[in-house]
């Protein structure tokens, strides 16, 4: 479909070409066709054909031109209606947007202020129209520098996205916003204004700060638990080393005591055997007592060997060699011990 600009161009072309074309046709008719008819058929036929030519060609040509122009004007009206409808829809979208959408003139003053800006900052449109943008940023020297930097970037690149800054609402509270700015074309190559969209990100920043705080707290707790775990592991390692040391001392003590006990036992057994062989006047009671002494010394020797075997068993050095035994010697030994006591 043609655009309104193309339709205006066609109408302007037709405005100049129609008179020129009509003049050319008239001149050619008078110089060629009309002269030929006048010279060959007389003045009456020439007059009739001329009336027919100008009475038919002129109206038809005019009708076609008017029809064409009317068609183009209809297309232009349709395009203008569509453009107006688009403008109305765009204005409705801007006015109803929950984000603040404002426009600035070439001097940086606020021209338009939508409903979203009223919701976020609390100012009415008539309060902000004509005010500089720095007023919304707090009006300080730092805000003026930020506006100058923002204006320079937008003029150089044509736009700016994702710039996070801080504005102030009607009650002076700080409002964190995400700013998107777009340069607007000026007239005759002159610098235009800017279109600015401000999105309130105060709640998002609060959630992000809360997440950071929770992560920090969690990291501190993990570090604390890790430190406690390391301390417990060190304590367990120290206790284990102490237990190993005590076990080594016990093993050495058992080995030492066992060896120290076995030496006097060996001497006692040797003395008892010598007494049994060399004593001449030995009665029945002495004979029985010598037997009991020898048995008890042998029993103590077994106990010492058992103690050494237990120490080797704990150390994993004991090798068992099972063999069959008879219980009768044990029974006889117990009987002799009981008889000696009674």
Protein backbone atom coordinates (compact mmCIF):
# COMPACT_ATOMS: atom_id res chain seq x y z
CA UNK A 1 0.00 0.00 0.00
CA UNK A 2 1.17 3.50 -0.81
CA UNK A 3 2.22 5.76 1.97
CA UNK A 4 0.85 9.28 2.48
CA UNK A 5 4.19 10.68 1.39
CA UNK A 6 4.06 8.78 -1.93
CA UNK A 7 0.46 9.91 -2.54
CA UNK A 8 1.38 13.57 -2.00
CA UNK A 9 4.29 13.11 -4.38
CA UNK A 10 2.04 11.61 -7.08
CA UNK A 11 -0.49 14.44 -6.73
CA UNK A 12 2.28 17.04 -7.06
CA UNK A 13 3.61 15.31 -10.19
CA UNK A 14 0.14 15.16 -11.67
CA UNK A 15 -0.42 18.84 -10.91
CA UNK A 16 2.41 19.80 -13.27
CA UNK A 17 2.16 17.04 -15.87
CA UNK A 18 -1.58 17.43 -16.67
CA UNK A 19 -1.37 21.04 -17.99
CA UNK A 20 1.78 20.22 -19.95
CA UNK A 21 0.24 17.08 -21.40
CA UNK A 22 -3.02 18.87 -22.30
CA UNK A 23 -1.03 21.68 -23.96
CA UNK A 24 1.03 19.19 -26.01
CA UNK A 25 -2.09 17.30 -27.13
CA UNK A 26 -3.85 20.56 -28.10
CA UNK A 27 -0.85 21.85 -30.07
CA UNK A 28 -0.42 18.54 -31.90
CA UNK A 29 -4.13 18.45 -32.72
CA UNK A 30 -4.17 22.00 -34.08
CA UNK A 31 -0.94 21.63 -36.08
CA UNK A 32 -1.58 18.17 -37.50
CA UNK A 33 -5.11 16.81 -37.29
CA UNK A 34 -7.07 20.09 -37.38
CA UNK A 35 -4.96 21.52 -40.25
CA UNK A 36 -5.37 18.33 -42.28
CA UNK A 37 -9.18 18.28 -41.84
CA UNK A 38 -9.50 22.00 -42.57
CA UNK A 39 -7.43 21.76 -45.73
CA UNK A 40 -9.13 18.65 -47.12
CA UNK A 41 -12.74 18.64 -45.84
CA UNK A 42 -13.67 22.25 -45.30
CA UNK A 43 -14.43 24.51 -42.43
CA UNK A 44 -17.75 22.90 -41.43
CA UNK A 45 -16.33 19.38 -40.81
CA UNK A 46 -13.35 20.92 -39.08
CA UNK A 47 -15.68 22.80 -36.75
CA UNK A 48 -17.77 19.68 -35.99
CA UNK A 49 -14.68 17.49 -35.25
CA UNK A 50 -13.15 20.20 -33.12
CA UNK A 51 -16.33 20.47 -31.02
CA UNK A 52 -16.41 16.65 -30.70
CA UNK A 53 -12.72 16.53 -29.75
CA UNK A 54 -12.79 19.23 -27.09
CA UNK A 55 -16.25 18.18 -25.86
CA UNK A 56 -15.25 14.52 -25.46
CA UNK A 57 -11.53 14.30 -24.78
CA UNK A 58 -11.47 17.17 -22.31
CA UNK A 59 -14.28 15.88 -20.02
CA UNK A 60 -13.02 12.28 -20.21
CA UNK A 61 -9.52 13.34 -19.41
CA UNK A 62 -10.77 15.55 -16.59
CA UNK A 63 -12.98 12.72 -15.24
CA UNK A 64 -10.03 10.31 -15.20
CA UNK A 65 -7.81 12.83 -13.47
CA UNK A 66 -10.42 13.65 -10.82
CA UNK A 67 -11.16 9.94 -10.27
CA UNK A 68 -7.47 9.18 -9.85
CA UNK A 69 -6.94 12.04 -7.48
CA UNK A 70 -10.02 10.99 -5.49
CA UNK A 71 -8.67 7.44 -5.23
CA UNK A 72 -5.33 8.71 -3.98
CA UNK A 73 -7.02 11.05 -1.52
CA UNK A 74 -9.09 8.12 -0.23
CA UNK A 75 -5.95 6.06 0.30
CA UNK A 76 -4.35 9.02 2.04
CA UNK A 77 -7.35 9.43 4.34
CA UNK A 78 -7.27 5.71 5.18
CA UNK A 79 -3.57 5.89 5.97
CA UNK A 80 -4.08 8.98 8.09
CA UNK A 81 -6.89 7.26 10.00
CA UNK A 82 -4.68 4.22 10.60
CA UNK A 83 -1.85 6.49 11.71
CA UNK A 84 -4.20 8.34 14.06
CA UNK A 85 -5.51 5.02 15.42
CA UNK A 86 -1.92 3.82 15.96
CA UNK A 87 -1.06 7.08 17.68
CA UNK A 88 -4.11 6.80 19.92
CA UNK A 89 -3.26 3.17 20.76
CA UNK A 90 0.36 4.04 21.43
CA UNK A 91 -0.71 6.95 23.60
CA UNK A 92 -3.07 4.62 25.49
CA UNK A 93 -0.30 2.07 26.00
CA UNK A 94 2.09 4.75 27.24
CA UNK A 95 -0.53 6.31 29.49
CA UNK A 96 -1.59 2.96 31.01
CA UNK A 97 1.93 1.51 31.39
CA UNK A 98 2.94 0.59 34.95
CA UNK A 99 6.47 1.81 34.18
CA UNK A 100 7.26 5.51 34.20
CA UNK A 101 7.47 6.77 30.60
CA UNK A 102 8.45 10.40 30.22
CA UNK A 103 9.73 12.54 27.37
CA UNK A 104 12.20 15.43 27.47
CA UNK A 105 12.64 18.34 25.14
CA UNK A 106 15.99 19.40 23.70
CA UNK A 107 16.76 21.40 26.87
CA UNK A 108 16.19 18.40 29.15
CA UNK A 109 12.85 19.56 30.55
CA UNK A 110 9.98 17.13 31.08
CA UNK A 111 7.29 17.31 28.39
CA UNK A 112 5.09 14.28 29.13
CA UNK A 113 4.44 12.33 32.34
CA UNK A 114 2.35 9.12 32.21
CA UNK A 115 0.24 7.34 34.82
CA UNK A 116 3.05 4.90 35.66
CA UNK A 117 5.26 7.84 36.66
CA UNK A 118 2.47 9.13 38.90
CA UNK A 119 2.21 5.71 40.59
CA UNK A 120 5.95 5.34 41.16
CA UNK A 121 6.90 8.88 42.19
CA UNK A 122 3.61 10.38 43.36
CA UNK A 123 3.88 13.57 41.27
CA UNK A 124 1.02 14.62 39.02
CA UNK A 125 1.69 15.45 35.37
CA UNK A 126 1.06 19.18 35.80
CA UNK A 127 3.57 19.28 38.66
CA UNK A 128 6.40 17.82 36.58
CA UNK A 129 5.84 19.28 33.13
CA UNK A 130 8.52 21.88 32.43
CA UNK A 131 10.79 20.75 35.28
CA UNK A 132 14.32 19.53 34.51
CA UNK A 133 15.00 15.80 34.80
CA UNK A 134 17.61 16.53 37.49
CA UNK A 135 14.72 17.51 39.80
CA UNK A 136 13.57 13.86 39.80
CA UNK A 137 17.12 12.74 40.58
CA UNK A 138 17.37 14.94 43.66
CA UNK A 139 18.64 18.19 42.16
CA UNK A 140 22.13 17.82 43.65
CA UNK A 141 25.43 18.47 41.89
CA UNK A 142 25.97 14.72 41.52
CA UNK A 143 22.56 14.33 39.84
CA UNK A 144 23.36 17.16 37.40
CA UNK A 145 26.62 15.42 36.47
CA UNK A 146 24.77 12.13 36.00
CA UNK A 147 22.18 13.77 33.72
CA UNK A 148 24.94 15.40 31.65
CA UNK A 149 26.74 12.09 31.27
CA UNK A 150 23.48 10.33 30.38
CA UNK A 151 22.60 12.96 27.76
CA UNK A 152 26.04 12.70 26.17
CA UNK A 153 25.90 8.89 25.93
CA UNK A 154 22.39 8.96 24.40
CA UNK A 155 23.40 11.56 21.81
CA UNK A 156 26.48 9.55 20.84
CA UNK A 157 24.92 6.06 20.76
CA UNK A 158 21.26 6.93 20.28
CA UNK A 159 20.13 4.94 23.32
CA UNK A 160 21.10 3.60 26.74
CA UNK A 161 19.80 0.45 28.44
CA UNK A 162 20.11 -1.09 31.89
CA UNK A 163 21.39 1.96 33.76
CA UNK A 164 20.52 1.57 37.45
CA UNK A 165 20.22 4.79 39.42
CA UNK A 166 18.24 6.38 42.25
CA UNK A 167 15.38 8.88 42.06
CA UNK A 168 13.26 10.53 44.74
CA UNK A 169 9.48 10.41 45.09
CA UNK A 170 7.15 13.17 46.23
CA UNK A 171 7.89 12.36 49.91
CA UNK A 172 11.65 12.42 49.40
CA UNK A 173 12.11 8.66 49.63
CA UNK A 174 14.75 7.00 47.49
CA UNK A 175 13.43 4.90 44.60
CA UNK A 176 15.83 2.55 42.80
CA UNK A 177 15.08 2.50 39.06
CA UNK A 178 16.31 0.80 35.90
CA UNK A 179 16.63 3.50 33.21
CA UNK A 180 16.29 3.12 29.44
CA UNK A 181 16.77 6.27 27.36
CA UNK A 182 16.28 6.77 23.62
CA UNK A 183 17.20 9.79 21.54
CA UNK A 184 14.36 11.52 19.65
CA UNK A 185 14.93 13.06 16.22
CA UNK A 186 14.85 16.85 16.07
CA UNK A 187 13.66 19.23 13.37
CA UNK A 188 15.99 20.15 10.50
CA UNK A 189 18.87 18.19 11.92
CA UNK A 190 18.70 19.91 15.32
CA UNK A 191 19.19 17.82 18.49
CA UNK A 192 15.88 16.44 19.71
CA UNK A 193 14.79 15.38 23.14
CA UNK A 194 14.78 11.97 24.81
CA UNK A 195 12.28 9.30 25.68
CA UNK A 196 12.98 7.77 29.11
CA UNK A 197 11.51 4.63 30.67
CA UNK A 198 12.02 4.19 34.43
CA UNK A 199 11.24 0.84 36.03
CA UNK A 200 11.00 0.58 39.81
CA UNK A 201 13.52 -2.05 40.99
CA UNK A 202 13.45 -1.20 44.71
CA UNK A 203 11.79 -4.48 45.63
CA UNK A 204 14.10 -6.45 43.35
CA UNK A 205 17.17 -4.88 44.95
CA UNK A 206 15.73 -5.62 48.39
CA UNK A 207 15.27 -9.29 47.45
CA UNK A 208 18.77 -9.43 45.97
CA UNK A 209 20.21 -7.89 49.14
CA UNK A 210 18.26 -10.42 51.22
CA UNK A 211 19.61 -13.26 49.09
CA UNK A 212 23.15 -11.93 49.51
CA UNK A 213 22.62 -11.65 53.26
CA UNK A 214 21.27 -15.20 53.47
CA UNK A 215 24.16 -16.52 51.37
CA UNK A 216 26.62 -14.69 53.60
CA UNK A 217 24.98 -16.08 56.73
CA UNK A 218 24.94 -19.57 55.25
CA UNK A 219 28.61 -19.27 54.28
CA UNK A 220 29.48 -18.13 57.79
CA UNK A 221 27.54 -21.04 59.29
CA UNK A 222 29.22 -23.50 56.94
CA UNK A 223 32.63 -22.03 57.83
CA UNK A 224 31.79 -22.26 61.54
CA UNK A 225 30.61 -25.87 61.25
CA UNK A 226 33.67 -26.72 59.18
CA UNK A 227 35.90 -25.15 61.81
CA UNK A 228 34.13 -27.10 64.56
CA UNK A 229 34.43 -30.29 62.54
CA UNK A 230 38.14 -29.69 62.03
CA UNK A 231 38.54 -29.13 65.77
CA UNK A 232 36.63 -32.36 66.51
CA UNK A 233 38.75 -34.26 64.01
CA UNK A 234 41.90 -32.87 65.62
CA UNK A 235 40.60 -33.81 69.07
CA UNK A 236 39.78 -37.33 67.85
CA UNK A 237 43.19 -37.62 66.25
CA UNK A 238 44.83 -36.46 69.50
CA UNK A 239 42.70 -38.86 71.57
CA UNK A 240 43.50 -41.70 69.17
CA UNK A 241 47.20 -40.93 69.42
CA UNK A 242 46.89 -40.88 73.21
CA UNK A 243 45.05 -44.21 73.16
CA UNK A 244 47.68 -45.70 70.93
CA UNK A 245 50.35 -44.43 73.28
CA UNK A 246 48.51 -45.88 76.30
CA UNK A 247 48.00 -49.17 74.51
CA UNK A 248 51.70 -49.30 73.67
CA UNK A 249 52.56 -48.56 77.30
CA UNK A 250 50.12 -51.25 78.47
CA UNK A 251 51.61 -53.76 76.08
CA UNK A 252 55.10 -52.92 77.20
CA UNK A 253 54.00 -53.07 80.84
CA UNK A 254 52.34 -56.46 80.40
CA UNK A 255 55.42 -57.78 78.62
CA UNK A 256 57.71 -56.38 81.32
CA UNK A 257 55.62 -57.68 84.22
CA UNK A 258 55.21 -61.06 82.59
CA UNK A 259 58.93 -61.41 82.10
CA UNK A 260 59.62 -60.18 85.63
CA UNK A 261 57.15 -62.71 87.10
CA UNK A 262 58.45 -65.61 85.07
CA UNK A 263 61.96 -65.16 86.40
CA UNK A 264 61.08 -65.75 90.13
CA UNK A 265 58.66 -68.51 89.13
CA UNK A 266 61.46 -70.30 87.38
CA UNK A 267 63.63 -69.92 90.45
CA UNK A 268 60.81 -71.16 92.73
CA UNK A 269 60.27 -74.24 90.61
CA UNK A 270 63.98 -74.95 90.54
CA UNK A 271 64.19 -74.56 94.34
CA UNK A 272 61.22 -76.87 94.92
CA UNK A 273 62.72 -79.53 92.67
CA UNK A 274 66.07 -79.24 94.47
CA UNK A 275 64.45 -79.52 97.85
CA UNK A 276 62.56 -82.62 96.76
CA UNK A 277 65.73 -84.28 95.63
CA UNK A 278 68.19 -83.27 98.37
CA UNK A 279 66.06 -83.29 101.55
CA UNK A 280 66.60 -86.74 103.22
CA UNK A 281 64.00 -86.59 105.99
CA UNK A 282 60.90 -85.88 104.05
CA UNK A 283 57.60 -87.14 105.35
CA UNK A 284 54.41 -87.74 103.40
CA UNK A 285 53.05 -84.28 104.11
CA UNK A 286 56.19 -82.58 102.79
CA UNK A 287 56.07 -84.72 99.69
CA UNK A 288 52.51 -83.63 99.06
CA UNK A 289 53.36 -79.99 99.72
CA UNK A 290 56.27 -80.13 97.27
CA UNK A 291 53.89 -81.42 94.64
CA UNK A 292 51.39 -78.65 95.38
CA UNK A 293 54.10 -75.95 95.25
CA UNK A 294 55.31 -77.25 91.94
CA UNK A 295 51.76 -77.35 90.55
CA UNK A 296 51.01 -73.77 91.69
CA UNK A 297 54.26 -72.48 90.24
CA UNK A 298 53.40 -74.21 87.00
CA UNK A 299 49.91 -72.68 87.15
CA UNK A 300 51.37 -69.20 87.61
CA UNK A 301 53.66 -69.86 84.69
CA UNK A 302 50.62 -70.79 82.55
CA UNK A 303 48.87 -67.59 83.64
CA UNK A 304 51.89 -65.53 82.62
CA UNK A 305 52.02 -67.29 79.26
CA UNK A 306 48.28 -66.66 78.82
CA UNK A 307 48.86 -63.00 79.59
CA UNK A 308 51.61 -62.81 77.00
CA UNK A 309 49.38 -64.65 74.50
CA UNK A 310 46.57 -62.10 75.12
CA UNK A 311 49.03 -59.26 74.47
CA UNK A 312 50.15 -60.93 71.23
CA UNK A 313 46.48 -61.57 70.30
CA UNK A 314 45.66 -57.85 70.62
CA UNK A 315 48.75 -57.01 68.59
CA UNK A 316 47.72 -59.52 65.90
CA UNK A 317 50.88 -61.58 66.40
CA UNK A 318 49.40 -64.67 68.06
CA UNK A 319 49.44 -67.90 66.01
CA UNK A 320 47.09 -70.59 67.37
CA UNK A 321 48.12 -74.23 67.21
CA UNK A 322 45.14 -76.31 68.44
CA UNK A 323 45.82 -79.80 69.83
CA UNK A 324 43.74 -82.36 71.81
CA UNK A 325 44.06 -82.42 75.62
CA UNK A 326 42.66 -84.56 78.42
CA UNK A 327 40.63 -83.08 81.26
CA UNK A 328 41.65 -85.80 83.75
CA UNK A 329 44.90 -84.10 84.82
CA UNK A 330 42.95 -80.94 85.56
CA UNK A 331 40.39 -82.85 87.63
CA UNK A 332 43.14 -84.65 89.58
CA UNK A 333 44.93 -81.35 90.18
CA UNK A 334 41.76 -79.74 91.58
CA UNK A 335 41.17 -82.77 93.78
CA UNK A 336 44.71 -82.67 95.20
CA UNK A 337 44.36 -78.95 95.91
CA UNK A 338 41.10 -79.46 97.80
CA UNK A 339 42.59 -82.40 99.79
CA UNK A 340 45.61 -80.28 100.76
CA UNK A 341 43.37 -77.54 102.15
CA UNK A 342 41.31 -79.98 104.25
